[in-house]
N, C-alpha and C. Protein backbone atom coordinates (compact mmCIF):
# COMPACT_ATOMS: atom_id res chain seq x y z
N MET A 1 76.85 -15.83 -6.78
CA MET A 1 76.19 -15.07 -5.69
C MET A 1 74.70 -15.33 -5.61
N LYS A 2 73.98 -15.47 -4.49
CA LYS A 2 72.63 -15.63 -4.35
C LYS A 2 71.95 -14.11 -4.05
N TRP A 3 70.68 -13.95 -4.63
CA TRP A 3 69.99 -12.87 -4.55
C TRP A 3 68.52 -12.99 -3.89
N ASP A 4 68.13 -11.95 -3.29
CA ASP A 4 66.72 -11.72 -2.75
C ASP A 4 66.18 -10.75 -3.86
N TYR A 5 64.87 -11.05 -4.02
CA TYR A 5 64.11 -10.39 -5.19
C TYR A 5 62.83 -9.57 -4.23
N LYS A 6 62.51 -8.57 -4.85
CA LYS A 6 61.32 -7.71 -4.43
C LYS A 6 60.72 -7.27 -5.58
N VAL A 7 59.36 -7.33 -5.57
CA VAL A 7 58.46 -6.91 -6.96
C VAL A 7 57.51 -5.98 -6.31
N ILE A 8 57.51 -4.73 -6.92
CA ILE A 8 56.65 -3.55 -6.46
C ILE A 8 55.87 -2.96 -7.56
N SER A 9 54.63 -2.85 -7.40
CA SER A 9 53.81 -2.27 -8.28
C SER A 9 54.10 -0.80 -8.77
N ILE A 10 53.76 -0.71 -10.13
CA ILE A 10 54.25 0.78 -10.68
C ILE A 10 53.55 1.79 -9.82
N ASP A 11 52.31 1.48 -9.33
CA ASP A 11 51.80 2.65 -8.67
C ASP A 11 52.52 3.07 -7.40
N LYS A 12 53.10 2.01 -6.76
CA LYS A 12 53.90 2.25 -5.57
C LYS A 12 55.28 2.99 -5.89
N LEU A 13 55.73 2.56 -7.00
CA LEU A 13 57.13 3.24 -7.35
C LEU A 13 56.94 4.66 -7.68
N PHE A 14 55.87 5.04 -8.29
CA PHE A 14 55.45 6.45 -8.80
C PHE A 14 54.83 7.35 -7.84
N GLN A 15 55.48 7.41 -6.59
CA GLN A 15 54.70 8.22 -5.49
C GLN A 15 54.31 9.68 -6.23
N GLY A 16 53.16 10.15 -5.85
CA GLY A 16 52.86 11.44 -6.34
C GLY A 16 52.15 11.38 -7.59
N GLY A 17 51.97 10.18 -8.08
CA GLY A 17 51.10 10.19 -9.50
C GLY A 17 49.75 9.69 -9.19
N GLU A 18 49.08 9.86 -7.79
CA GLU A 18 47.82 9.23 -7.48
C GLU A 18 46.65 10.04 -8.34
N ASP A 19 46.92 11.33 -8.40
CA ASP A 19 45.91 11.91 -9.36
C ASP A 19 45.85 11.51 -10.82
N HIS A 20 44.50 11.29 -11.16
CA HIS A 20 44.48 10.90 -12.62
C HIS A 20 43.83 12.03 -13.55
N ASP A 21 44.05 13.20 -13.12
CA ASP A 21 43.59 14.40 -13.89
C ASP A 21 44.42 14.46 -15.11
N ILE A 22 43.71 14.80 -16.35
CA ILE A 22 44.38 15.11 -17.57
C ILE A 22 44.89 16.72 -17.40
N ALA A 23 46.20 16.73 -17.77
CA ALA A 23 46.67 18.13 -17.69
C ALA A 23 46.16 18.87 -19.07
N VAL A 24 45.56 20.07 -18.82
CA VAL A 24 44.90 20.87 -19.82
C VAL A 24 46.06 21.83 -20.60
N SER A 25 47.19 21.93 -19.94
CA SER A 25 48.18 22.84 -20.35
C SER A 25 49.57 22.19 -20.40
N LYS A 26 50.48 22.86 -21.23
CA LYS A 26 51.74 22.21 -21.32
C LYS A 26 52.40 22.60 -19.86
N ASP A 27 52.18 23.66 -19.43
CA ASP A 27 52.63 23.82 -17.92
C ASP A 27 52.16 22.94 -16.91
N ALA A 28 50.92 22.44 -16.94
CA ALA A 28 50.43 21.56 -16.03
C ALA A 28 50.99 20.21 -16.19
N ALA A 29 51.05 20.02 -17.49
CA ALA A 29 51.68 18.61 -17.80
C ALA A 29 53.20 18.58 -17.41
N MET A 30 53.85 19.55 -17.42
CA MET A 30 55.27 19.57 -17.14
C MET A 30 55.30 19.61 -15.72
N ALA A 31 54.50 20.10 -14.78
CA ALA A 31 54.48 20.17 -13.23
C ALA A 31 54.13 18.94 -12.84
N ARG A 32 53.03 18.20 -13.47
CA ARG A 32 52.88 16.95 -13.06
C ARG A 32 54.06 15.85 -13.24
N ARG A 33 54.59 15.92 -14.41
CA ARG A 33 55.81 15.07 -14.87
C ARG A 33 56.91 15.17 -13.73
N SER A 34 57.11 16.53 -13.29
CA SER A 34 58.12 16.65 -12.38
C SER A 34 57.90 16.21 -11.16
N LYS A 35 56.40 16.36 -10.61
CA LYS A 35 56.11 15.77 -9.48
C LYS A 35 56.21 14.32 -9.34
N VAL A 36 55.73 13.58 -10.51
CA VAL A 36 55.83 12.10 -10.67
C VAL A 36 57.49 11.71 -10.61
N GLY A 37 58.16 12.43 -11.46
CA GLY A 37 59.66 12.20 -11.44
C GLY A 37 60.19 12.28 -10.05
N HIS A 38 59.78 13.12 -9.37
CA HIS A 38 60.44 13.19 -8.09
C HIS A 38 60.04 12.29 -7.06
N GLY A 39 58.78 11.82 -7.29
CA GLY A 39 58.26 10.66 -6.50
C GLY A 39 58.97 9.56 -6.72
N LEU A 40 59.27 9.08 -8.19
CA LEU A 40 59.96 7.90 -8.49
C LEU A 40 61.38 7.98 -7.98
N GLU A 41 62.11 9.08 -8.03
CA GLU A 41 63.51 9.37 -7.46
C GLU A 41 63.54 8.99 -6.16
N ASN A 42 62.60 9.57 -5.44
CA ASN A 42 62.44 9.33 -3.97
C ASN A 42 62.19 7.76 -3.56
N THR A 43 61.35 7.27 -4.39
CA THR A 43 61.10 5.79 -4.00
C THR A 43 62.51 4.91 -4.28
N LEU A 44 63.05 5.31 -5.38
CA LEU A 44 64.25 4.46 -5.92
C LEU A 44 65.53 4.90 -4.69
N ASN A 45 65.54 6.08 -4.22
CA ASN A 45 66.62 6.28 -3.06
C ASN A 45 66.18 5.53 -1.84
N GLU A 46 64.92 5.25 -1.55
CA GLU A 46 64.65 4.86 -0.43
C GLU A 46 65.05 3.29 -0.46
N LEU A 47 64.80 2.72 -1.41
CA LEU A 47 64.97 1.32 -1.85
C LEU A 47 66.57 1.21 -1.82
N GLY A 48 67.27 1.92 -2.41
CA GLY A 48 68.53 1.92 -2.62
C GLY A 48 69.33 1.98 -1.20
N GLU A 49 68.73 2.86 -0.37
CA GLU A 49 69.35 2.86 1.02
C GLU A 49 69.25 1.53 1.79
N GLU A 50 68.22 0.58 1.46
CA GLU A 50 67.95 -0.67 1.84
C GLU A 50 68.89 -1.83 0.79
N SER A 51 69.63 -1.27 -0.09
CA SER A 51 70.51 -2.02 -0.89
C SER A 51 69.70 -2.67 -2.02
N TRP A 52 68.50 -2.33 -2.41
CA TRP A 52 67.61 -2.84 -3.43
C TRP A 52 68.18 -2.13 -4.77
N GLU A 53 68.10 -2.89 -5.73
CA GLU A 53 68.54 -2.33 -7.10
C GLU A 53 67.63 -2.73 -8.10
N LEU A 54 67.13 -1.73 -8.75
CA LEU A 54 66.19 -1.97 -9.92
C LEU A 54 66.81 -2.78 -11.13
N VAL A 55 66.14 -3.97 -11.35
CA VAL A 55 66.91 -4.78 -12.54
C VAL A 55 65.93 -4.69 -13.73
N ALA A 56 64.63 -4.56 -13.41
CA ALA A 56 63.72 -4.78 -14.55
C ALA A 56 62.43 -4.26 -14.27
N LEU A 57 61.75 -3.71 -15.29
CA LEU A 57 60.17 -3.21 -15.41
C LEU A 57 59.62 -4.39 -16.24
N ALA A 58 58.62 -4.91 -15.50
CA ALA A 58 57.88 -5.89 -16.20
C ALA A 58 56.36 -5.68 -16.03
N GLY A 59 55.73 -5.36 -17.35
CA GLY A 59 54.32 -4.97 -17.04
C GLY A 59 54.15 -3.82 -16.19
N ASP A 60 53.40 -4.04 -15.14
CA ASP A 60 53.00 -3.07 -14.21
C ASP A 60 53.91 -3.18 -12.77
N PHE A 61 55.26 -3.76 -12.98
CA PHE A 61 55.83 -4.05 -11.74
C PHE A 61 57.42 -3.66 -12.02
N GLY A 62 57.97 -3.30 -10.99
CA GLY A 62 59.30 -2.99 -10.89
C GLY A 62 59.95 -4.26 -10.21
N ILE A 63 61.11 -4.74 -10.70
CA ILE A 63 61.70 -6.09 -9.90
C ILE A 63 63.03 -5.40 -9.37
N PHE A 64 63.25 -5.61 -8.25
CA PHE A 64 64.44 -5.22 -7.48
C PHE A 64 65.21 -6.45 -6.99
N LYS A 65 66.48 -6.40 -6.79
CA LYS A 65 67.27 -7.36 -6.20
C LYS A 65 68.36 -7.00 -5.32
N LYS A 66 68.87 -7.63 -4.33
CA LYS A 66 70.06 -7.40 -3.55
C LYS A 66 70.67 -8.61 -3.34
N PRO A 67 71.99 -8.50 -2.95
CA PRO A 67 72.60 -9.69 -2.27
C PRO A 67 72.06 -10.49 -1.10
N LYS A 68 71.89 -11.71 -1.20
CA LYS A 68 71.53 -12.47 -0.12
C LYS A 68 72.28 -12.40 1.03
N ASN A 69 71.85 -12.20 2.24
CA ASN A 69 72.55 -12.29 3.42
C ASN A 69 73.22 -13.68 3.93
C-alpha cells in the first residue's frame, strides 16, 4: 500500500495552548491542561475526518499518514 504523509507542528496540534502563562494554582493548571487536551482532541478529530492517522511524534512535529488515492 502507498501512503500520503502530512507533518504538522506541535503548536498547531495543540489548539488552545497559545497562552504561555504559568499556572499559579492547581486549579488553574488543571483548567489549562483540560483546555489544551480538548484542543488536541479537536485537531485529531478534524484530521481523522480527512482520514489522516497520527503515526508518530518527532521532536516538535506530529506525523500523519493516510492511504494514497
